[in-house]
């Protein structure tokens, strides 16, 4: 019997409507079209824009170009003219599930050269074209397109897709709910496995035993353990993040922040746990992180700005006496097929709207004690709905 999580369907008409909205936004900006670039390759960085518009992901790895044989592998390009039909260039002959008419999907080994041909075919060889995915395309790839089509006037247009992706449809919210439930089960299994003598790898393995059979993918698992006070210690690794050799020990604090993907949509959450006996100093840090995140969530409502949410949370952090500096300078972010706008930082004036899905997060440290907590919420007309359903306290 399958243990895969059922997939909330998204109709082909919804993908077509997204492409239409992107074209309309390009037209309002005075552009003749867009070129959208995304990367797959079996990873989870920068796949979202093509998947959002076409439901396509390429699993072929990112390999160096071999002139005359292949180019741009692991990448896909959507040529989206304001006037005329779009063309999607992909590098694998698996187009059955692409949410576009078959005649608009082009399969090529020489992905860059074929993309240049498609730009010309769509009448964009001498046009003003918005580039979406400028942080995804390697410099050499862009130079190949520039050389092939020197008449194109390129404009930055990443914000067109980030703006569209900020507000989720009903089907997207359904997928985000399912992803958050899976992430919550995963981190629950990890917290259960975090006992004296277990390694960070043992803890991640317990979570992966939940994630993989359900059809999910791990994006990352930030982990650390240690002790506070006069002889503070901290144990962590970076590549992979669970590779520290020091096992968990009685009296330590432990934190894990995980993110992953189910059916193209992300989960992102964090929890902390005392290992063995509970000390007041350890719990103080844990509870402070919970309180700061709670203050941020309480400030979320339609019409509020992202900056106001961040400022409310940071005011709580300051009131509790925790330093404002840290690894991540924000209080959170939008969530969808990746890290979406808005970013929850004090200066951000983007308004919160119903249909946004937001992660509110905080890692606090003081005197060697660490607390970490993150929740995911859906913005509703009346406030928020909590999507994370992992237990809050493991003590």
Foldseek 3Di string as FASTA:
>chain_A
DALADDALDDALVQLVVLLLLLLVVCVVVVFQWAKEKAFACPAQPGRPPQCSNWVDFDNNHDDPDDPPFAPDARMKIWTRGSPDDIAIEHADPPCPRTSDPPVRYHYDRHRLVVVLVRCVVRVQLQTEYEYACPVPDDPVSVVSSCVSRVNYRYDHDNVSSLVVQQFADPSQVVQQLVQLALVLVLVLQLQVQQEFPAALVSSNVSSVVSAVSNPKFWNAKAKKKWAFAPPTDIFFDVVRGRPTPDHDHAFMKMKIWTKIHDSLWMHTKMAIAHHHDDDPVQVLQAVLFVVLLVQLQVPFAFFAWLLVSFVRSVVSNVVSPFDQDDPDNFQWAWTGSHGGDDTNHNVTGDTDDARTKIKGWDWTDDRNHIHITIWIWGHHNGGTDTSNDRDHYPD
